[in-house]
Every structure is written in C-alpha cells, then in structure tokens.
Amino acid sequence: MVVIVVIVVVVAVGESDDPSHPPSADVKITSCSVDSSTRLPSAGLEIHNHSSKASTYGISVEFVDPKGTRVSEGAGLSLTVAPGQTVRTSAGGMDQVTQKVTCRVTDVNRMAG
C-alpha cells in the first residue's frame, strides 16, 4: 500500500508542469553521431530547467536513418537539475547501425523532486 501511495505522489507532481514551459522545451540535442568502432549511435543533450523546482529528467531519443526509419532508440537521465540550471548529458542507442543517423527527442519526463 505504501508503494502505491508513493507512486501516485510522484506521478501527480510530474503532471503539474507549467504549460508555458513544457518539459520538452527544456531539452535540446547538441550532437548526433555514430561511434566508428562500436557502431552505436549517441545524442548529446542539453537540459535547461525552466521550472521553479529541482527536477529529475528522463529523456527518450530515437535514431533515424536517412530514409526516415528508426534504427535504434535510447534514453538519458539527469537527476536533481536545479531551477535555472543547465546540464549536459547523453543518450546512447542500443542497436548497431552502419549509416548516418538523425537524432530526435521523442519524450521528456520532468519530475519535481
């Protein structure tokens, strides 16, 4: 029962985001590449917390080939980003690719802590 209450509280806090600054507006891609030795794609991410509370960010990224087909996906996590703070992190794909990719943020979750 305690676990259910904790989960409900976290979800409620995460959903109370200010619509003028949605979580997706806090994240931008700063780099997108495929490692030549591992063939794994990665995206450099910059997070700027526009909210008024320290927040944890979970970011989903997809890696798309030149034809527009998703060839991999990955995720990034950044804990305790202070209000107004900018941090850098990355999201790595889990699938090897042999061609150039484009990186796209597909989802951003911002949870006030």
Protein backbone atom coordinates (compact mmCIF):
# COMPACT_ATOMS: atom_id res chain seq x y z
CA MET A 1 0.00 0.00 0.00
CA VAL A 2 2.82 2.44 0.81
CA VAL A 3 4.46 1.82 -2.59
CA ILE A 4 1.22 2.68 -4.39
CA VAL A 5 0.88 5.96 -2.46
CA VAL A 6 4.49 6.95 -3.28
CA ILE A 7 3.98 6.22 -6.99
CA VAL A 8 0.77 8.26 -7.07
CA VAL A 9 2.51 11.24 -5.42
CA VAL A 10 5.42 11.15 -7.91
CA VAL A 11 3.06 10.96 -10.89
CA ALA A 12 0.93 13.82 -9.55
CA VAL A 13 3.99 16.03 -9.12
CA GLY A 14 5.24 15.15 -12.60
CA GLU A 15 1.91 16.07 -14.17
CA SER A 16 1.69 19.53 -12.56
CA ASP A 17 4.07 21.05 -15.13
CA ASP A 18 3.62 24.65 -16.21
CA PRO A 19 2.10 24.56 -19.74
CA SER A 20 4.06 27.68 -20.74
CA HIS A 21 7.30 25.68 -20.25
CA PRO A 22 6.57 22.04 -21.08
CA PRO A 23 9.37 19.58 -20.29
CA SER A 24 10.13 19.15 -24.00
CA ALA A 25 11.09 22.86 -24.18
CA ASP A 26 13.84 22.19 -21.60
CA VAL A 27 15.82 19.75 -23.80
CA LYS A 28 17.79 20.22 -27.00
CA ILE A 29 20.09 17.94 -28.96
CA THR A 30 23.65 19.27 -29.15
CA SER A 31 25.26 16.43 -31.11
CA CYS A 32 24.29 13.31 -33.01
CA SER A 33 26.76 10.68 -34.15
CA VAL A 34 27.60 7.02 -34.65
CA ASP A 35 30.77 5.72 -32.97
CA SER A 36 33.04 4.37 -35.71
CA SER A 37 34.33 1.45 -33.62
CA THR A 38 31.18 0.28 -31.79
CA ARG A 39 28.67 1.47 -34.42
CA LEU A 40 26.38 2.62 -31.61
CA PRO A 41 24.57 5.93 -32.09
CA SER A 42 24.55 8.63 -29.42
CA ALA A 43 22.96 12.01 -28.89
CA GLY A 44 24.41 14.83 -26.81
CA LEU A 45 21.68 16.55 -24.80
CA GLU A 46 21.44 19.89 -23.03
CA ILE A 47 18.81 20.34 -20.35
CA HIS A 48 17.83 23.75 -19.02
CA ASN A 49 15.36 23.57 -16.13
CA HIS A 50 12.78 26.31 -16.74
CA SER A 51 10.61 25.15 -13.81
CA SER A 52 10.69 26.61 -10.32
CA LYS A 53 11.68 23.33 -8.63
CA ALA A 54 14.69 21.00 -8.76
CA SER A 55 13.72 18.25 -11.17
CA THR A 56 14.76 14.86 -12.49
CA TYR A 57 14.63 14.43 -16.27
CA GLY A 58 14.09 11.24 -18.22
CA ILE A 59 14.60 11.71 -21.97
CA SER A 60 13.84 9.27 -24.80
CA VAL A 61 15.64 9.63 -28.12
CA GLU A 62 15.22 7.84 -31.43
CA PHE A 63 17.89 7.43 -34.09
CA VAL A 64 16.55 7.62 -37.64
CA ASP A 65 18.27 6.63 -40.90
CA PRO A 66 18.27 8.88 -44.00
CA LYS A 67 15.04 7.23 -45.23
CA GLY A 68 13.23 8.14 -42.00
CA THR A 69 13.24 4.65 -40.48
CA ARG A 70 14.01 4.35 -36.78
CA VAL A 71 17.10 2.16 -36.45
CA SER A 72 17.67 2.47 -32.69
CA GLU A 73 16.46 4.21 -29.58
CA GLY A 74 17.98 5.22 -26.28
CA ALA A 75 17.41 7.18 -23.11
CA GLY A 76 19.13 9.72 -20.91
CA LEU A 77 18.61 10.53 -17.25
CA SER A 78 19.66 13.54 -15.23
CA LEU A 79 18.96 13.77 -11.52
CA THR A 80 18.33 16.91 -9.47
CA VAL A 81 18.62 19.71 -12.03
CA ALA A 82 18.18 22.96 -10.07
CA PRO A 83 15.79 25.69 -11.26
CA GLY A 84 17.55 27.72 -13.95
CA GLN A 85 20.44 25.25 -14.14
CA THR A 86 21.77 23.91 -17.46
CA VAL A 87 23.34 20.45 -17.59
CA ARG A 88 24.69 18.23 -20.34
CA THR A 89 24.09 14.51 -20.67
CA SER A 90 23.78 11.95 -23.43
CA ALA A 91 21.53 9.18 -24.68
CA GLY A 92 23.04 6.13 -26.35
CA GLY A 93 21.33 3.78 -28.78
CA MET A 94 21.29 0.06 -28.09
CA ASP A 95 21.49 -1.16 -31.69
CA GLN A 96 24.48 -1.05 -34.02
CA VAL A 97 23.95 1.00 -37.16
CA THR A 98 26.04 1.32 -40.31
CA GLN A 99 24.68 4.56 -41.74
CA LYS A 100 24.43 8.20 -40.69
CA VAL A 101 21.53 8.92 -38.35
CA THR A 102 19.41 11.84 -37.26
CA CYS A 103 18.60 12.13 -33.54
CA ARG A 104 15.14 13.11 -32.33
CA VAL A 105 13.83 13.61 -28.80
CA THR A 106 10.63 11.59 -28.57
CA ASP A 107 9.66 12.09 -24.93
CA VAL A 108 10.73 14.16 -21.91
CA ASN A 109 9.57 13.49 -18.37
CA ARG A 110 10.32 16.17 -15.78
CA MET A 111 9.57 15.22 -12.18
CA ALA A 112 9.94 17.76 -9.41
CA GLY A 113 11.90 16.34 -6.52
